[in-house]
């Protein structure tokens, strides 16, 4: 009888271990609902901007992605508490909005604030219209950045660099969704956006 009870206790312990339960009732990471842990943007590997960096990126910044799209260079960066996006004509890297460029900055949201539109949030936001055909919006969290950009130009992005995933949202007007973050964050954001 004692042997049967001992075998039962070992079997029950093994079942609990395999089921991922813990004695104190704290759920493990996979059963918590959030599942994934995301790398903070400030910990992602920086890239060196091609050419001169835009003037508006003064101060301690980390450039996370860059791509050419039509006649513009699109640059995404992160600071200690915010995300930034610059769309500047390829021949003008000053980031000056008067030269048909755009510069958006969004701070990380305070605790309990922001949007949970995508995973890896919450997100702060900023948006801006450029010339009649151009506009951009930036969603910024500590773990990801989601940019939607319409320039009025057709074509595909070129020379894409950084930890970035790009999808076309619409064709008329041509709008890109630029997602920056670690692989897991980008994958979950793209999956959510497609549903």
C-alpha atoms as a PDB file:
ATOM      1  CA  UNK A   1       0.000   0.000   0.000  1.00  0.00           C
ATOM      2  CA  UNK A   2       2.832   2.430   0.853  1.00  0.00           C
ATOM      3  CA  UNK A   3       4.522   1.632  -2.434  1.00  0.00           C
ATOM      4  CA  UNK A   4       1.325   2.373  -4.390  1.00  0.00           C
ATOM      5  CA  UNK A   5       0.900   5.687  -2.541  1.00  0.00           C
ATOM      6  CA  UNK A   6       4.555   6.630  -3.248  1.00  0.00           C
ATOM      7  CA  UNK A   7       4.089   5.852  -6.962  1.00  0.00           C
ATOM      8  CA  UNK A   8       0.871   7.888  -6.993  1.00  0.00           C
ATOM      9  CA  UNK A   9       2.613  10.935  -5.432  1.00  0.00           C
ATOM     10  CA  UNK A  10       5.463  10.762  -7.962  1.00  0.00           C
ATOM     11  CA  UNK A  11       2.976  10.376 -10.831  1.00  0.00           C
ATOM     12  CA  UNK A  12       0.896  13.343  -9.630  1.00  0.00           C
ATOM     13  CA  UNK A  13       4.005  15.504  -9.289  1.00  0.00           C
ATOM     14  CA  UNK A  14       5.080  14.564 -12.808  1.00  0.00           C
ATOM     15  CA  UNK A  15       1.636  15.431 -14.212  1.00  0.00           C
ATOM     16  CA  UNK A  16       1.698  18.825 -12.480  1.00  0.00           C
ATOM     17  CA  UNK A  17       5.181  19.496 -13.802  1.00  0.00           C
ATOM     18  CA  UNK A  18       4.200  18.591 -17.367  1.00  0.00           C
ATOM     19  CA  UNK A  19       1.020  20.671 -17.159  1.00  0.00           C
ATOM     20  CA  UNK A  20       3.096  23.738 -16.210  1.00  0.00           C
ATOM     21  CA  UNK A  21       1.311  24.363 -12.928  1.00  0.00           C
ATOM     22  CA  UNK A  22       3.137  25.785  -9.972  1.00  0.00           C
ATOM     23  CA  UNK A  23       2.425  25.077  -6.332  1.00  0.00           C
ATOM     24  CA  UNK A  24       1.888  28.749  -5.447  1.00  0.00           C
ATOM     25  CA  UNK A  25      -0.753  29.159  -8.182  1.00  0.00           C
ATOM     26  CA  UNK A  26       1.295  31.666 -10.183  1.00  0.00           C
ATOM     27  CA  UNK A  27       0.774  30.961 -13.883  1.00  0.00           C
ATOM     28  CA  UNK A  28       3.811  30.356 -16.018  1.00  0.00           C
ATOM     29  CA  UNK A  29       4.693  32.735 -18.868  1.00  0.00           C
ATOM     30  CA  UNK A  30       2.906  30.800 -21.614  1.00  0.00           C
ATOM     31  CA  UNK A  31      -0.360  30.536 -19.706  1.00  0.00           C
ATOM     32  CA  UNK A  32      -0.375  34.182 -18.661  1.00  0.00           C
ATOM     33  CA  UNK A  33      -2.168  35.307 -21.819  1.00  0.00           C
ATOM     34  CA  UNK A  34       0.603  37.601 -23.027  1.00  0.00           C
ATOM     35  CA  UNK A  35       2.992  34.744 -23.746  1.00  0.00           C
ATOM     36  CA  UNK A  36       5.808  36.607 -25.428  1.00  0.00           C
ATOM     37  CA  UNK A  37       8.419  38.915 -24.019  1.00  0.00           C
ATOM     38  CA  UNK A  38       9.648  41.621 -26.369  1.00  0.00           C
ATOM     39  CA  UNK A  39      13.062  43.283 -26.543  1.00  0.00           C
ATOM     40  CA  UNK A  40      12.863  47.013 -25.768  1.00  0.00           C
ATOM     41  CA  UNK A  41      13.557  49.279 -28.749  1.00  0.00           C
ATOM     42  CA  UNK A  42      16.525  50.853 -26.953  1.00  0.00           C
ATOM     43  CA  UNK A  43      18.167  47.402 -26.807  1.00  0.00           C
ATOM     44  CA  UNK A  44      17.846  46.660 -30.542  1.00  0.00           C
ATOM     45  CA  UNK A  45      20.955  46.894 -32.692  1.00  0.00           C
ATOM     46  CA  UNK A  46      21.446  50.326 -34.242  1.00  0.00           C
ATOM     47  CA  UNK A  47      22.269  50.903 -37.889  1.00  0.00           C
ATOM     48  CA  UNK A  48      24.411  53.677 -39.352  1.00  0.00           C
ATOM     49  CA  UNK A  49      22.363  56.022 -41.505  1.00  0.00           C
ATOM     50  CA  UNK A  50      23.484  56.211 -45.122  1.00  0.00           C
ATOM     51  CA  UNK A  51      24.743  59.670 -45.965  1.00  0.00           C
ATOM     52  CA  UNK A  52      24.464  62.471 -43.445  1.00  0.00           C
ATOM     53  CA  UNK A  53      21.930  61.870 -40.672  1.00  0.00           C
ATOM     54  CA  UNK A  54      18.900  64.170 -40.730  1.00  0.00           C
ATOM     55  CA  UNK A  55      19.539  67.343 -38.728  1.00  0.00           C
ATOM     56  CA  UNK A  56      16.411  66.826 -36.592  1.00  0.00           C
ATOM     57  CA  UNK A  57      17.964  63.698 -35.070  1.00  0.00           C
ATOM     58  CA  UNK A  58      20.235  65.777 -32.846  1.00  0.00           C
ATOM     59  CA  UNK A  59      21.107  64.370 -29.467  1.00  0.00           C
ATOM     60  CA  UNK A  60      21.540  60.790 -28.329  1.00  0.00           C
ATOM     61  CA  UNK A  61      19.483  58.742 -30.772  1.00  0.00           C
ATOM     62  CA  UNK A  62      19.632  55.187 -32.065  1.00  0.00           C
ATOM     63  CA  UNK A  63      18.682  54.720 -35.712  1.00  0.00           C
ATOM     64  CA  UNK A  64      16.725  51.454 -35.989  1.00  0.00           C
ATOM     65  CA  UNK A  65      15.671  51.370 -39.647  1.00  0.00           C
ATOM     66  CA  UNK A  66      16.152  53.124 -42.918  1.00  0.00           C
ATOM     67  CA  UNK A  67      14.750  52.606 -46.390  1.00  0.00           C
ATOM     68  CA  UNK A  68      14.422  54.377 -49.676  1.00  0.00           C
ATOM     69  CA  UNK A  69      10.906  54.783 -50.998  1.00  0.00           C
ATOM     70  CA  UNK A  70      10.364  56.675 -54.218  1.00  0.00           C
ATOM     71  CA  UNK A  71      12.357  59.888 -53.899  1.00  0.00           C
ATOM     72  CA  UNK A  72      12.483  59.811 -50.079  1.00  0.00           C
ATOM     73  CA  UNK A  73      14.649  58.291 -47.397  1.00  0.00           C
ATOM     74  CA  UNK A  74      12.588  57.052 -44.419  1.00  0.00           C
ATOM     75  CA  UNK A  75      14.421  56.883 -41.106  1.00  0.00           C
ATOM     76  CA  UNK A  76      13.058  55.538 -37.805  1.00  0.00           C
ATOM     77  CA  UNK A  77      14.894  56.117 -34.552  1.00  0.00           C
ATOM     78  CA  UNK A  78      14.476  55.836 -30.802  1.00  0.00           C
ATOM     79  CA  UNK A  79      15.556  58.065 -27.914  1.00  0.00           C
ATOM     80  CA  UNK A  80      15.481  57.315 -24.191  1.00  0.00           C
ATOM     81  CA  UNK A  81      11.699  57.891 -23.966  1.00  0.00           C
ATOM     82  CA  UNK A  82      10.355  58.401 -27.486  1.00  0.00           C
ATOM     83  CA  UNK A  83      10.275  57.230 -31.098  1.00  0.00           C
ATOM     84  CA  UNK A  84      10.883  59.349 -34.158  1.00  0.00           C
ATOM     85  CA  UNK A  85      10.254  59.070 -37.873  1.00  0.00           C
ATOM     86  CA  UNK A  86      11.685  61.268 -40.621  1.00  0.00           C
ATOM     87  CA  UNK A  87      10.699  61.186 -44.276  1.00  0.00           C
ATOM     88  CA  UNK A  88      13.093  63.434 -46.186  1.00  0.00           C
ATOM     89  CA  UNK A  89      13.733  63.823 -49.892  1.00  0.00           C
ATOM     90  CA  UNK A  90      16.807  61.775 -50.785  1.00  0.00           C
ATOM     91  CA  UNK A  91      18.722  64.912 -51.749  1.00  0.00           C
ATOM     92  CA  UNK A  92      17.757  66.739 -48.521  1.00  0.00           C
ATOM     93  CA  UNK A  93      18.446  64.989 -45.217  1.00  0.00           C
ATOM     94  CA  UNK A  94      17.745  68.060 -43.095  1.00  0.00           C
ATOM     95  CA  UNK A  95      14.340  66.680 -42.050  1.00  0.00           C
ATOM     96  CA  UNK A  96      12.889  70.146 -42.645  1.00  0.00           C
ATOM     97  CA  UNK A  97       9.121  69.853 -43.249  1.00  0.00           C
ATOM     98  CA  UNK A  98       9.285  72.859 -45.588  1.00  0.00           C
ATOM     99  CA  UNK A  99      11.262  70.734 -48.058  1.00  0.00           C
ATOM    100  CA  UNK A 100       8.344  68.293 -48.505  1.00  0.00           C
ATOM    101  CA  UNK A 101       9.595  66.115 -45.666  1.00  0.00           C
ATOM    102  CA  UNK A 102       7.988  65.050 -42.413  1.00  0.00           C
ATOM    103  CA  UNK A 103       9.275  64.587 -38.899  1.00  0.00           C
ATOM    104  CA  UNK A 104       7.117  62.910 -36.259  1.00  0.00           C
ATOM    105  CA  UNK A 105       7.976  62.204 -32.629  1.00  0.00           C
ATOM    106  CA  UNK A 106       5.840  60.264 -30.169  1.00  0.00           C
ATOM    107  CA  UNK A 107       6.707  59.743 -26.521  1.00  0.00           C
ATOM    108  CA  UNK A 108       6.144  56.412 -24.845  1.00  0.00           C
ATOM    109  CA  UNK A 109       2.796  56.495 -23.070  1.00  0.00           C
ATOM    110  CA  UNK A 110       2.674  56.907 -19.307  1.00  0.00           C
ATOM    111  CA  UNK A 111       1.572  53.933 -17.205  1.00  0.00           C
ATOM    112  CA  UNK A 112      -2.110  53.179 -17.746  1.00  0.00           C
ATOM    113  CA  UNK A 113      -2.277  55.299 -20.902  1.00  0.00           C
ATOM    114  CA  UNK A 114      -1.923  54.664 -24.626  1.00  0.00           C
ATOM    115  CA  UNK A 115      -3.479  52.384 -27.194  1.00  0.00           C
ATOM    116  CA  UNK A 116      -3.385  48.580 -27.263  1.00  0.00           C
ATOM    117  CA  UNK A 117      -4.203  48.434 -30.973  1.00  0.00           C
ATOM    118  CA  UNK A 118      -1.253  46.073 -31.560  1.00  0.00           C
ATOM    119  CA  UNK A 119       0.784  43.649 -29.442  1.00  0.00           C
ATOM    120  CA  UNK A 120       3.943  44.968 -27.713  1.00  0.00           C
ATOM    121  CA  UNK A 121       2.058  48.083 -26.544  1.00  0.00           C
ATOM    122  CA  UNK A 122       0.665  50.262 -25.135  1.00  0.00           C
ATOM    123  CA  UNK A 123       1.404  52.906 -27.772  1.00  0.00           C
ATOM    124  CA  UNK A 124       1.583  56.674 -27.867  1.00  0.00           C
ATOM    125  CA  UNK A 125       0.826  58.267 -31.226  1.00  0.00           C
ATOM    126  CA  UNK A 126       1.567  61.164 -33.532  1.00  0.00           C
ATOM    127  CA  UNK A 127       0.388  61.941 -37.061  1.00  0.00           C
ATOM    128  CA  UNK A 128       0.945  64.573 -39.676  1.00  0.00           C
ATOM    129  CA  UNK A 129      -0.125  65.455 -43.198  1.00  0.00           C
ATOM    130  CA  UNK A 130       2.486  66.655 -45.657  1.00  0.00           C
ATOM    131  CA  UNK A 131       1.667  67.876 -49.132  1.00  0.00           C
ATOM    132  CA  UNK A 132      -1.857  66.996 -50.407  1.00  0.00           C
ATOM    133  CA  UNK A 133      -0.920  63.365 -51.099  1.00  0.00           C
ATOM    134  CA  UNK A 134       1.437  62.624 -48.195  1.00  0.00           C
ATOM    135  CA  UNK A 135       0.708  61.730 -44.587  1.00  0.00           C
ATOM    136  CA  UNK A 136       2.236  59.611 -41.816  1.00  0.00           C
ATOM    137  CA  UNK A 137       1.294  58.232 -38.417  1.00  0.00           C
ATOM    138  CA  UNK A 138       3.546  56.759 -35.748  1.00  0.00           C
ATOM    139  CA  UNK A 139       2.549  54.435 -32.935  1.00  0.00           C
ATOM    140  CA  UNK A 140       5.349  54.219 -30.358  1.00  0.00           C
ATOM    141  CA  UNK A 141       5.829  51.855 -27.426  1.00  0.00           C
ATOM    142  CA  UNK A 142       8.867  50.792 -25.440  1.00  0.00           C
ATOM    143  CA  UNK A 143       8.948  47.548 -27.463  1.00  0.00           C
ATOM    144  CA  UNK A 144       7.806  48.409 -30.998  1.00  0.00           C
ATOM    145  CA  UNK A 145       7.084  51.161 -33.467  1.00  0.00           C
ATOM    146  CA  UNK A 146       4.361  51.014 -36.137  1.00  0.00           C
ATOM    147  CA  UNK A 147       4.493  53.625 -38.884  1.00  0.00           C
ATOM    148  CA  UNK A 148       1.953  54.095 -41.655  1.00  0.00           C
ATOM    149  CA  UNK A 149       3.237  56.257 -44.472  1.00  0.00           C
ATOM    150  CA  UNK A 150       1.682  57.474 -47.706  1.00  0.00           C
ATOM    151  CA  UNK A 151       3.828  59.602 -49.994  1.00  0.00           C
ATOM    152  CA  UNK A 152       1.696  59.700 -53.111  1.00  0.00           C
ATOM    153  CA  UNK A 153       4.422  57.732 -54.907  1.00  0.00           C
ATOM    154  CA  UNK A 154       4.094  54.237 -56.300  1.00  0.00           C
ATOM    155  CA  UNK A 155       6.792  51.589 -56.241  1.00  0.00           C
ATOM    156  CA  UNK A 156       8.344  49.346 -53.654  1.00  0.00           C
ATOM    157  CA  UNK A 157      10.705  50.170 -50.798  1.00  0.00           C
ATOM    158  CA  UNK A 158      14.395  49.742 -51.603  1.00  0.00           C
ATOM    159  CA  UNK A 159      17.562  49.298 -49.560  1.00  0.00           C
ATOM    160  CA  UNK A 160      15.656  48.299 -46.434  1.00  0.00           C
ATOM    161  CA  UNK A 161      17.890  48.061 -43.354  1.00  0.00           C
ATOM    162  CA  UNK A 162      17.247  47.324 -39.675  1.00  0.00           C
ATOM    163  CA  UNK A 163      14.899  45.099 -37.693  1.00  0.00           C
ATOM    164  CA  UNK A 164      11.890  46.049 -39.764  1.00  0.00           C
ATOM    165  CA  UNK A 165       8.972  44.427 -41.583  1.00  0.00           C
ATOM    166  CA  UNK A 166       7.206  46.338 -44.352  1.00  0.00           C
ATOM    167  CA  UNK A 167       3.785  45.597 -45.798  1.00  0.00           C
ATOM    168  CA  UNK A 168       1.584  47.504 -48.220  1.00  0.00           C
ATOM    169  CA  UNK A 169      -1.663  48.583 -46.553  1.00  0.00           C
ATOM    170  CA  UNK A 170      -3.401  50.048 -49.588  1.00  0.00           C
ATOM    171  CA  UNK A 171      -2.499  50.669 -53.200  1.00  0.00           C
ATOM    172  CA  UNK A 172      -4.610  53.801 -53.729  1.00  0.00           C
ATOM    173  CA  UNK A 173      -3.157  55.817 -52.182  1.00  0.00           C
ATOM    174  CA  UNK A 174       0.036  53.765 -51.890  1.00  0.00           C
ATOM    175  CA  UNK A 175       0.472  53.298 -48.124  1.00  0.00           C
ATOM    176  CA  UNK A 176       3.164  51.341 -46.307  1.00  0.00           C
ATOM    177  CA  UNK A 177       3.056  49.858 -42.822  1.00  0.00           C
ATOM    178  CA  UNK A 178       6.566  49.861 -41.342  1.00  0.00           C
ATOM    179  CA  UNK A 179       6.904  47.735 -38.198  1.00  0.00           C
ATOM    180  CA  UNK A 180      10.070  48.002 -36.105  1.00  0.00           C
ATOM    181  CA  UNK A 181      10.928  45.735 -33.192  1.00  0.00           C
ATOM    182  CA  UNK A 182      12.332  42.327 -32.418  1.00  0.00           C
ATOM    183  CA  UNK A 183      11.250  39.387 -34.591  1.00  0.00           C
ATOM    184  CA  UNK A 184       8.485  38.237 -32.214  1.00  0.00           C
ATOM    185  CA  UNK A 185       6.954  41.706 -31.858  1.00  0.00           C
ATOM    186  CA  UNK A 186       6.987  42.306 -35.613  1.00  0.00           C
ATOM    187  CA  UNK A 187       5.419  38.928 -36.350  1.00  0.00           C
ATOM    188  CA  UNK A 188       2.600  39.424 -33.842  1.00  0.00           C
ATOM    189  CA  UNK A 189       1.895  42.971 -35.043  1.00  0.00           C
ATOM    190  CA  UNK A 190       1.767  41.917 -38.710  1.00  0.00           C
ATOM    191  CA  UNK A 191      -0.515  38.999 -37.831  1.00  0.00           C
ATOM    192  CA  UNK A 192      -2.887  41.296 -35.882  1.00  0.00           C
ATOM    193  CA  UNK A 193      -2.931  43.847 -38.702  1.00  0.00           C
ATOM    194  CA  UNK A 194      -3.922  41.192 -41.234  1.00  0.00           C
ATOM    195  CA  UNK A 195      -6.915  40.006 -39.171  1.00  0.00           C
END
